[in-house]
C-alpha atoms as a PDB file:
ATOM      1  CA  UNK A   1       1.557  10.883  -7.415  1.00  0.00           C
ATOM      2  CA  UNK A   2       0.145  10.615  -3.900  1.00  0.00           C
ATOM      3  CA  UNK A   3      -2.962   8.936  -2.529  1.00  0.00           C
ATOM      4  CA  UNK A   4      -5.805  10.713  -0.700  1.00  0.00           C
ATOM      5  CA  UNK A   5      -8.017   8.998   1.876  1.00  0.00           C
ATOM      6  CA  UNK A   6     -11.598  10.257   2.219  1.00  0.00           C
ATOM      7  CA  UNK A   7     -13.619   8.921   5.167  1.00  0.00           C
ATOM      8  CA  UNK A   8     -17.324   9.180   5.921  1.00  0.00           C
ATOM      9  CA  UNK A   9     -16.912   9.653   9.675  1.00  0.00           C
ATOM     10  CA  UNK A  10     -20.319   8.379  10.745  1.00  0.00           C
ATOM     11  CA  UNK A  11     -19.854   5.246   8.634  1.00  0.00           C
ATOM     12  CA  UNK A  12     -16.292   4.773   9.905  1.00  0.00           C
ATOM     13  CA  UNK A  13     -17.399   4.874  13.545  1.00  0.00           C
ATOM     14  CA  UNK A  14     -20.367   2.605  12.849  1.00  0.00           C
ATOM     15  CA  UNK A  15     -18.117  -0.041  11.241  1.00  0.00           C
ATOM     16  CA  UNK A  16     -15.169   0.566  13.606  1.00  0.00           C
ATOM     17  CA  UNK A  17     -15.660  -2.659  15.547  1.00  0.00           C
ATOM     18  CA  UNK A  18     -15.300  -4.766  12.388  1.00  0.00           C
ATOM     19  CA  UNK A  19     -12.090  -3.192  11.087  1.00  0.00           C
ATOM     20  CA  UNK A  20     -10.535  -2.584  14.517  1.00  0.00           C
ATOM     21  CA  UNK A  21     -11.906  -5.290  16.827  1.00  0.00           C
ATOM     22  CA  UNK A  22      -9.126  -4.733  19.387  1.00  0.00           C
ATOM     23  CA  UNK A  23      -9.699  -0.972  19.701  1.00  0.00           C
ATOM     24  CA  UNK A  24     -12.428   1.047  21.431  1.00  0.00           C
ATOM     25  CA  UNK A  25     -14.511   3.366  19.240  1.00  0.00           C
ATOM     26  CA  UNK A  26     -15.398   5.363  22.384  1.00  0.00           C
ATOM     27  CA  UNK A  27     -11.742   6.249  22.982  1.00  0.00           C
ATOM     28  CA  UNK A  28     -10.742   9.374  20.981  1.00  0.00           C
ATOM     29  CA  UNK A  29      -7.080   8.329  20.944  1.00  0.00           C
ATOM     30  CA  UNK A  30      -7.962   4.926  19.522  1.00  0.00           C
ATOM     31  CA  UNK A  31     -10.086   6.500  16.784  1.00  0.00           C
ATOM     32  CA  UNK A  32      -7.378   8.992  15.762  1.00  0.00           C
ATOM     33  CA  UNK A  33      -4.775   6.209  15.756  1.00  0.00           C
ATOM     34  CA  UNK A  34      -7.052   3.981  13.655  1.00  0.00           C
ATOM     35  CA  UNK A  35      -7.451   6.745  11.034  1.00  0.00           C
ATOM     36  CA  UNK A  36      -3.664   6.895  10.676  1.00  0.00           C
ATOM     37  CA  UNK A  37      -3.354   3.107  10.652  1.00  0.00           C
ATOM     38  CA  UNK A  38      -5.967   2.797   7.895  1.00  0.00           C
ATOM     39  CA  UNK A  39      -4.124   5.337   5.733  1.00  0.00           C
ATOM     40  CA  UNK A  40      -0.818   3.550   6.295  1.00  0.00           C
ATOM     41  CA  UNK A  41      -2.314   0.154   5.499  1.00  0.00           C
ATOM     42  CA  UNK A  42      -3.697   1.312   2.153  1.00  0.00           C
ATOM     43  CA  UNK A  43      -0.401   2.979   1.236  1.00  0.00           C
ATOM     44  CA  UNK A  44       1.434  -0.202   2.163  1.00  0.00           C
ATOM     45  CA  UNK A  45      -0.770  -2.308  -0.121  1.00  0.00           C
ATOM     46  CA  UNK A  46      -0.268   0.127  -2.984  1.00  0.00           C
ATOM     47  CA  UNK A  47       3.513   0.405  -2.676  1.00  0.00           C
ATOM     48  CA  UNK A  48       4.624  -3.071  -1.581  1.00  0.00           C
ATOM     49  CA  UNK A  49       5.366  -3.935  -5.207  1.00  0.00           C
ATOM     50  CA  UNK A  50       7.757  -0.977  -5.516  1.00  0.00           C
ATOM     51  CA  UNK A  51      11.483  -0.945  -4.671  1.00  0.00           C
ATOM     52  CA  UNK A  52      12.498  -0.324  -1.042  1.00  0.00           C
ATOM     53  CA  UNK A  53       9.012  -1.317   0.179  1.00  0.00           C
ATOM     54  CA  UNK A  54       7.786   2.261   0.673  1.00  0.00           C
ATOM     55  CA  UNK A  55       4.813   1.057   2.685  1.00  0.00           C
ATOM     56  CA  UNK A  56       6.614  -1.295   5.064  1.00  0.00           C
ATOM     57  CA  UNK A  57       5.597  -0.188   8.565  1.00  0.00           C
ATOM     58  CA  UNK A  58       8.048  -2.647  10.113  1.00  0.00           C
ATOM     59  CA  UNK A  59      10.901  -0.907   8.280  1.00  0.00           C
ATOM     60  CA  UNK A  60      10.044   2.419   9.892  1.00  0.00           C
ATOM     61  CA  UNK A  61       7.595   3.740   7.308  1.00  0.00           C
ATOM     62  CA  UNK A  62       5.585   6.631   8.793  1.00  0.00           C
ATOM     63  CA  UNK A  63       2.513   7.260   6.590  1.00  0.00           C
ATOM     64  CA  UNK A  64       1.896  10.832   7.726  1.00  0.00           C
ATOM     65  CA  UNK A  65       5.446  11.884   6.846  1.00  0.00           C
ATOM     66  CA  UNK A  66       5.447  10.208   3.444  1.00  0.00           C
ATOM     67  CA  UNK A  67       4.878  12.124   0.182  1.00  0.00           C
ATOM     68  CA  UNK A  68       2.844   9.103  -0.922  1.00  0.00           C
ATOM     69  CA  UNK A  69       0.005  10.326   1.353  1.00  0.00           C
ATOM     70  CA  UNK A  70      -1.576  13.579   0.206  1.00  0.00           C
ATOM     71  CA  UNK A  71      -4.013  13.931   3.096  1.00  0.00           C
ATOM     72  CA  UNK A  72      -6.726  12.082   4.996  1.00  0.00           C
ATOM     73  CA  UNK A  73     -10.111  13.819   4.908  1.00  0.00           C
ATOM     74  CA  UNK A  74     -12.535  12.930   7.715  1.00  0.00           C
ATOM     75  CA  UNK A  75     -16.144  14.073   7.175  1.00  0.00           C
ATOM     76  CA  UNK A  76     -18.506  14.248  10.127  1.00  0.00           C
ATOM     77  CA  UNK A  77     -21.006  16.464  11.951  1.00  0.00           C
ATOM     78  CA  UNK A  78     -20.806  18.019  15.423  1.00  0.00           C
ATOM     79  CA  UNK A  79     -23.206  16.343  17.862  1.00  0.00           C
ATOM     80  CA  UNK A  80     -26.543  17.903  18.646  1.00  0.00           C
ATOM     81  CA  UNK A  81     -26.614  20.057  21.774  1.00  0.00           C
ATOM     82  CA  UNK A  82     -30.358  20.638  22.004  1.00  0.00           C
ATOM     83  CA  UNK A  83     -32.543  20.129  25.040  1.00  0.00           C
ATOM     84  CA  UNK A  84     -35.299  17.582  24.475  1.00  0.00           C
ATOM     85  CA  UNK A  85     -37.788  15.509  26.438  1.00  0.00           C
ATOM     86  CA  UNK A  86     -37.995  11.750  26.374  1.00  0.00           C
ATOM     87  CA  UNK A  87     -41.030  10.626  24.339  1.00  0.00           C
ATOM     88  CA  UNK A  88     -42.802   8.568  27.021  1.00  0.00           C
ATOM     89  CA  UNK A  89     -41.729   9.764  30.472  1.00  0.00           C
ATOM     90  CA  UNK A  90     -41.253  13.377  29.298  1.00  0.00           C
ATOM     91  CA  UNK A  91     -38.099  13.621  31.408  1.00  0.00           C
ATOM     92  CA  UNK A  92     -35.702  16.370  30.219  1.00  0.00           C
ATOM     93  CA  UNK A  93     -32.669  15.390  28.156  1.00  0.00           C
ATOM     94  CA  UNK A  94     -29.695  17.685  27.556  1.00  0.00           C
ATOM     95  CA  UNK A  95     -27.931  16.231  24.522  1.00  0.00           C
ATOM     96  CA  UNK A  96     -24.814  18.347  25.145  1.00  0.00           C
ATOM     97  CA  UNK A  97     -24.198  16.448  28.384  1.00  0.00           C
ATOM     98  CA  UNK A  98     -24.584  12.948  26.984  1.00  0.00           C
ATOM     99  CA  UNK A  99     -21.595  10.610  26.843  1.00  0.00           C
ATOM    100  CA  UNK A 100     -22.036  10.253  23.080  1.00  0.00           C
ATOM    101  CA  UNK A 101     -21.739  14.021  22.522  1.00  0.00           C
ATOM    102  CA  UNK A 102     -18.654  14.311  24.732  1.00  0.00           C
ATOM    103  CA  UNK A 103     -16.985  11.398  22.965  1.00  0.00           C
ATOM    104  CA  UNK A 104     -17.698  12.782  19.498  1.00  0.00           C
ATOM    105  CA  UNK A 105     -16.304  16.220  20.378  1.00  0.00           C
ATOM    106  CA  UNK A 106     -13.206  14.596  21.879  1.00  0.00           C
ATOM    107  CA  UNK A 107     -12.715  12.562  18.685  1.00  0.00           C
ATOM    108  CA  UNK A 108     -12.914  15.769  16.635  1.00  0.00           C
ATOM    109  CA  UNK A 109     -10.343  17.474  18.878  1.00  0.00           C
ATOM    110  CA  UNK A 110      -7.927  14.571  18.448  1.00  0.00           C
ATOM    111  CA  UNK A 111      -8.346  14.540  14.686  1.00  0.00           C
ATOM    112  CA  UNK A 112      -7.749  18.305  14.481  1.00  0.00           C
ATOM    113  CA  UNK A 113      -4.242  17.819  15.884  1.00  0.00           C
ATOM    114  CA  UNK A 114      -3.443  14.633  13.932  1.00  0.00           C
ATOM    115  CA  UNK A 115      -0.793  14.887  11.219  1.00  0.00           C
ATOM    116  CA  UNK A 116      -2.112  15.229   7.647  1.00  0.00           C
ATOM    117  CA  UNK A 117      -5.750  14.891   8.688  1.00  0.00           C
ATOM    118  CA  UNK A 118      -8.339  17.442   7.551  1.00  0.00           C
ATOM    119  CA  UNK A 119     -11.585  17.445   9.554  1.00  0.00           C
ATOM    120  CA  UNK A 120     -14.550  18.560   7.456  1.00  0.00           C
ATOM    121  CA  UNK A 121     -17.732  19.230   9.446  1.00  0.00           C
ATOM    122  CA  UNK A 122     -21.257  19.391   8.103  1.00  0.00           C
ATOM    123  CA  UNK A 123     -24.255  19.704  10.385  1.00  0.00           C
ATOM    124  CA  UNK A 124     -27.174  17.682  11.709  1.00  0.00           C
ATOM    125  CA  UNK A 125     -30.740  18.766  11.078  1.00  0.00           C
ATOM    126  CA  UNK A 126     -32.107  20.864  13.925  1.00  0.00           C
ATOM    127  CA  UNK A 127     -35.693  19.629  13.553  1.00  0.00           C
ATOM    128  CA  UNK A 128     -35.207  16.342  15.369  1.00  0.00           C
ATOM    129  CA  UNK A 129     -37.854  13.756  16.166  1.00  0.00           C
ATOM    130  CA  UNK A 130     -37.994  10.486  18.027  1.00  0.00           C
ATOM    131  CA  UNK A 131     -38.426   7.291  16.031  1.00  0.00           C
ATOM    132  CA  UNK A 132     -39.070   3.741  17.293  1.00  0.00           C
ATOM    133  CA  UNK A 133     -36.173   1.299  17.112  1.00  0.00           C
ATOM    134  CA  UNK A 134     -36.685  -1.748  14.851  1.00  0.00           C
ATOM    135  CA  UNK A 135     -36.276  -4.141  17.789  1.00  0.00           C
ATOM    136  CA  UNK A 136     -38.980  -2.298  19.719  1.00  0.00           C
ATOM    137  CA  UNK A 137     -41.433  -2.493  16.822  1.00  0.00           C
ATOM    138  CA  UNK A 138     -40.858  -6.241  16.504  1.00  0.00           C
ATOM    139  CA  UNK A 139     -41.449  -6.648  20.241  1.00  0.00           C
ATOM    140  CA  UNK A 140     -44.698  -4.648  20.063  1.00  0.00           C
ATOM    141  CA  UNK A 141     -45.974  -6.989  17.343  1.00  0.00           C
ATOM    142  CA  UNK A 142     -45.445 -10.048  19.516  1.00  0.00           C
ATOM    143  CA  UNK A 143     -45.947  -8.728  23.053  1.00  0.00           C
ATOM    144  CA  UNK A 144     -48.363  -5.865  22.536  1.00  0.00           C
ATOM    145  CA  UNK A 145     -47.854  -2.105  22.448  1.00  0.00           C
ATOM    146  CA  UNK A 146     -46.090  -1.116  25.669  1.00  0.00           C
ATOM    147  CA  UNK A 147     -43.619   1.660  24.734  1.00  0.00           C
ATOM    148  CA  UNK A 148     -40.717   2.743  26.941  1.00  0.00           C
ATOM    149  CA  UNK A 149     -38.216   5.587  26.558  1.00  0.00           C
ATOM    150  CA  UNK A 150     -35.473   3.167  25.548  1.00  0.00           C
ATOM    151  CA  UNK A 151     -37.632   1.965  22.629  1.00  0.00           C
ATOM    152  CA  UNK A 152     -36.959   5.217  20.771  1.00  0.00           C
ATOM    153  CA  UNK A 153     -33.942   6.892  19.186  1.00  0.00           C
ATOM    154  CA  UNK A 154     -33.377  10.371  17.806  1.00  0.00           C
ATOM    155  CA  UNK A 155     -33.869  10.629  14.053  1.00  0.00           C
ATOM    156  CA  UNK A 156     -31.048  12.794  12.697  1.00  0.00           C
ATOM    157  CA  UNK A 157     -29.986  13.593   9.137  1.00  0.00           C
ATOM    158  CA  UNK A 158     -26.504  14.671   8.056  1.00  0.00           C
ATOM    159  CA  UNK A 159     -26.386  17.784   5.909  1.00  0.00           C
ATOM    160  CA  UNK A 160     -23.440  19.074   3.894  1.00  0.00           C
ATOM    161  CA  UNK A 161     -21.177  16.046   4.301  1.00  0.00           C
ATOM    162  CA  UNK A 162     -21.562  14.656   0.775  1.00  0.00           C
ATOM    163  CA  UNK A 163     -21.256  18.188  -0.653  1.00  0.00           C
ATOM    164  CA  UNK A 164     -17.954  18.812   1.160  1.00  0.00           C
ATOM    165  CA  UNK A 165     -16.588  15.444   0.114  1.00  0.00           C
ATOM    166  CA  UNK A 166     -17.614  16.098  -3.481  1.00  0.00           C
ATOM    167  CA  UNK A 167     -15.937  19.525  -3.523  1.00  0.00           C
ATOM    168  CA  UNK A 168     -12.686  18.130  -2.120  1.00  0.00           C
ATOM    169  CA  UNK A 169     -12.650  15.259  -4.626  1.00  0.00           C
ATOM    170  CA  UNK A 170     -13.354  17.673  -7.489  1.00  0.00           C
ATOM    171  CA  UNK A 171     -10.539  19.990  -6.409  1.00  0.00           C
ATOM    172  CA  UNK A 172      -8.039  17.114  -6.165  1.00  0.00           C
ATOM    173  CA  UNK A 173      -9.138  15.749  -9.540  1.00  0.00           C
ATOM    174  CA  UNK A 174      -9.096  18.992 -11.527  1.00  0.00           C
ATOM    175  CA  UNK A 175      -5.808  20.156  -9.978  1.00  0.00           C
ATOM    176  CA  UNK A 176      -4.177  16.739 -10.541  1.00  0.00           C
ATOM    177  CA  UNK A 177      -3.097  16.596  -6.897  1.00  0.00           C
ATOM    178  CA  UNK A 178      -3.545  12.823  -6.537  1.00  0.00           C
ATOM    179  CA  UNK A 179      -3.835   9.790  -8.787  1.00  0.00           C
ATOM    180  CA  UNK A 180      -5.603   7.530  -6.289  1.00  0.00           C
ATOM    181  CA  UNK A 181      -8.447   8.131  -3.838  1.00  0.00           C
ATOM    182  CA  UNK A 182      -9.391   5.585  -1.181  1.00  0.00           C
ATOM    183  CA  UNK A 183     -13.036   6.126  -0.233  1.00  0.00           C
ATOM    184  CA  UNK A 184     -14.103   4.741   3.156  1.00  0.00           C
ATOM    185  CA  UNK A 185     -17.858   4.835   2.775  1.00  0.00           C
ATOM    186  CA  UNK A 186     -20.892   2.809   1.821  1.00  0.00           C
ATOM    187  CA  UNK A 187     -23.563   5.393   1.010  1.00  0.00           C
ATOM    188  CA  UNK A 188     -24.825   5.942  -2.518  1.00  0.00           C
ATOM    189  CA  UNK A 189     -24.708   9.713  -1.883  1.00  0.00           C
ATOM    190  CA  UNK A 190     -20.989   9.574  -2.700  1.00  0.00           C
ATOM    191  CA  UNK A 191     -21.485   8.116  -6.187  1.00  0.00           C
ATOM    192  CA  UNK A 192     -21.200  11.516  -7.987  1.00  0.00           C
ATOM    193  CA  UNK A 193     -17.805  12.128  -6.360  1.00  0.00           C
ATOM    194  CA  UNK A 194     -16.557   8.674  -7.349  1.00  0.00           C
ATOM    195  CA  UNK A 195     -17.799   9.090 -10.937  1.00  0.00           C
ATOM    196  CA  UNK A 196     -16.133  12.485 -11.315  1.00  0.00           C
ATOM    197  CA  UNK A 197     -12.812  11.221  -9.980  1.00  0.00           C
ATOM    198  CA  UNK A 198     -12.781   8.257 -12.358  1.00  0.00           C
ATOM    199  CA  UNK A 199     -13.634  10.448 -15.349  1.00  0.00           C
ATOM    200  CA  UNK A 200     -10.549  12.513 -14.496  1.00  0.00           C
ATOM    201  CA  UNK A 201      -8.353   9.415 -14.525  1.00  0.00           C
ATOM    202  CA  UNK A 202      -8.119   8.823 -10.771  1.00  0.00           C
ATOM    203  CA  UNK A 203      -8.006   5.283  -9.404  1.00  0.00           C
ATOM    204  CA  UNK A 204     -10.945   5.060  -6.963  1.00  0.00           C
ATOM    205  CA  UNK A 205     -10.607   2.337  -4.314  1.00  0.00           C
ATOM    206  CA  UNK A 206     -13.538   1.570  -2.010  1.00  0.00           C
ATOM    207  CA  UNK A 207     -13.073   0.369   1.577  1.00  0.00           C
ATOM    208  CA  UNK A 208     -16.540  -0.516   2.961  1.00  0.00           C
ATOM    209  CA  UNK A 209     -15.062  -1.837   6.239  1.00  0.00           C
ATOM    210  CA  UNK A 210     -16.959  -5.076   5.926  1.00  0.00           C
ATOM    211  CA  UNK A 211     -20.293  -3.319   5.426  1.00  0.00           C
ATOM    212  CA  UNK A 212     -22.785  -3.598   2.585  1.00  0.00           C
ATOM    213  CA  UNK A 213     -21.933  -0.737   0.235  1.00  0.00           C
ATOM    214  CA  UNK A 214     -24.532   0.681  -2.153  1.00  0.00           C
ATOM    215  CA  UNK A 215     -24.471  -1.229  -5.431  1.00  0.00           C
ATOM    216  CA  UNK A 216     -24.053   1.916  -7.533  1.00  0.00           C
ATOM    217  CA  UNK A 217     -21.101   2.998  -5.380  1.00  0.00           C
ATOM    218  CA  UNK A 218     -19.482  -0.368  -6.065  1.00  0.00           C
ATOM    219  CA  UNK A 219     -20.208   0.100  -9.766  1.00  0.00           C
ATOM    220  CA  UNK A 220     -18.252   3.357  -9.847  1.00  0.00           C
ATOM    221  CA  UNK A 221     -15.174   2.166  -7.934  1.00  0.00           C
ATOM    222  CA  UNK A 222     -12.092   0.617  -9.527  1.00  0.00           C
ATOM    223  CA  UNK A 223     -11.939  -2.028  -6.857  1.00  0.00           C
ATOM    224  CA  UNK A 224     -12.561  -2.933  -3.217  1.00  0.00           C
ATOM    225  CA  UNK A 225      -9.789  -3.147  -0.629  1.00  0.00           C
ATOM    226  CA  UNK A 226     -10.597  -3.621   3.055  1.00  0.00           C
ATOM    227  CA  UNK A 227      -8.334  -2.740   5.951  1.00  0.00           C
ATOM    228  CA  UNK A 228      -8.814  -4.979   8.985  1.00  0.00           C
ATOM    229  CA  UNK A 229      -6.500  -5.034  11.970  1.00  0.00           C
ATOM    230  CA  UNK A 230      -6.769  -8.640  13.110  1.00  0.00           C
ATOM    231  CA  UNK A 231      -4.085  -8.550  15.817  1.00  0.00           C
ATOM    232  CA  UNK A 232      -3.996  -6.364  18.944  1.00  0.00           C
ATOM    233  CA  UNK A 233      -1.286  -3.716  19.178  1.00  0.00           C
ATOM    234  CA  UNK A 234       0.577  -1.936  21.950  1.00  0.00           C
ATOM    235  CA  UNK A 235       1.887   0.782  19.627  1.00  0.00           C
ATOM    236  CA  UNK A 236      -1.049   3.192  19.679  1.00  0.00           C
ATOM    237  CA  UNK A 237       0.318   6.660  19.108  1.00  0.00           C
ATOM    238  CA  UNK A 238       3.318   5.757  16.951  1.00  0.00           C
ATOM    239  CA  UNK A 239       1.588   6.543  13.646  1.00  0.00           C
ATOM    240  CA  UNK A 240       0.505  10.091  14.538  1.00  0.00           C
END
């Protein structure tokens, strides 16, 4: 039976530099390529012990055309497009025009056209507030309270991401569509999905991308396997 890859998009992009040190997380093409590479790497590890080396990329294995890959699910939220004011200077800020928003939308567009990738979008809370950055608070303690705009960041909360991931995992488990799920995540919110999959006999593999995963998420995985591309590549685009 095939393998499914489920990716917490925000976590994936946050840990991108560790797993893909030679790629640029701001480049939508690099991100889409890395999603395909990660899927292929995990399939290769699973199938290297089988005849004909099903997962051997050097032998022409194309993960997205293989029946061993069911689908890669990428869970994320569209960026905020609100108009705000900076907390100190009160200068206007149009979030829709920020580089971060443009990059995130471009990443989503690339993933929508990638082979065997399903983009699942939740939403960010609309009631946003500014919160001080940890580094700024430490500086205020030593140098005195002298806040600047750059000392603050927008406090956002993802909504609906864990629910969508849980529904997809439940559907795959109850319909016996896969026998292995690779979960690229680190948040304890995904524990119920992992527990359900294991109760239905699915092998749950956790890839925390070098991050510190929640202890209860580790408890409910069948093992940890981390993909890390240690060498640069000139073949971006060949896995899509």
